[in-house]
């Protein structure tokens, strides 16, 4: 009887090893980031907005949202893939439930950010990064240029609404976008 139980356990282990009893992880489907290093903040904002409202846009969205050092810290801690998967799963549900699609329309108005906004943006990045980079300071962030941008978006190809974003060229990382 003991031999039969041992044989059964060994067979079960072999089946699990070869048949992979571990649940399969879904691969992260991503939209590529192409405009972040571009001179055009308009193209970067459009790419970020469209990624934010697309299935599989999590990696692109977070590339625009977080400073590169925070993304690297999340990856090193093993938290980045989970963050991207959660975003993508949520967007899949939202987009699946929504009747239609949202896409970037056009820029209505833009102006350079003020010194006060620049300081506020640095503080924003410090707070955003603190969970992953506890020693980060405002001096870690060099804003090369920045704009407050009012834009509109389309819902099913027709005007859907208006929004505002802050778009800044951060350190040597390219454009970062702060949405409401």
Foldseek 3Di string as FASTA:
>chain_A
DVVVVVVVVVVVVVCCVVVVPDDDDDDQAADDQDPQQPPDLFVLVQLLVQLQLDQNSQVSVVLQAADPVLLVLCVVVVNNVVSSVVSNVVSVVVNVPDDFTKGFDGWPDKDWDDPVVLQVVLVVNQVVRCVRPVPDHSVVKDFPTKMWIKGFMDTNNHTDGIFIWIWTQIDSSGIHIGGD
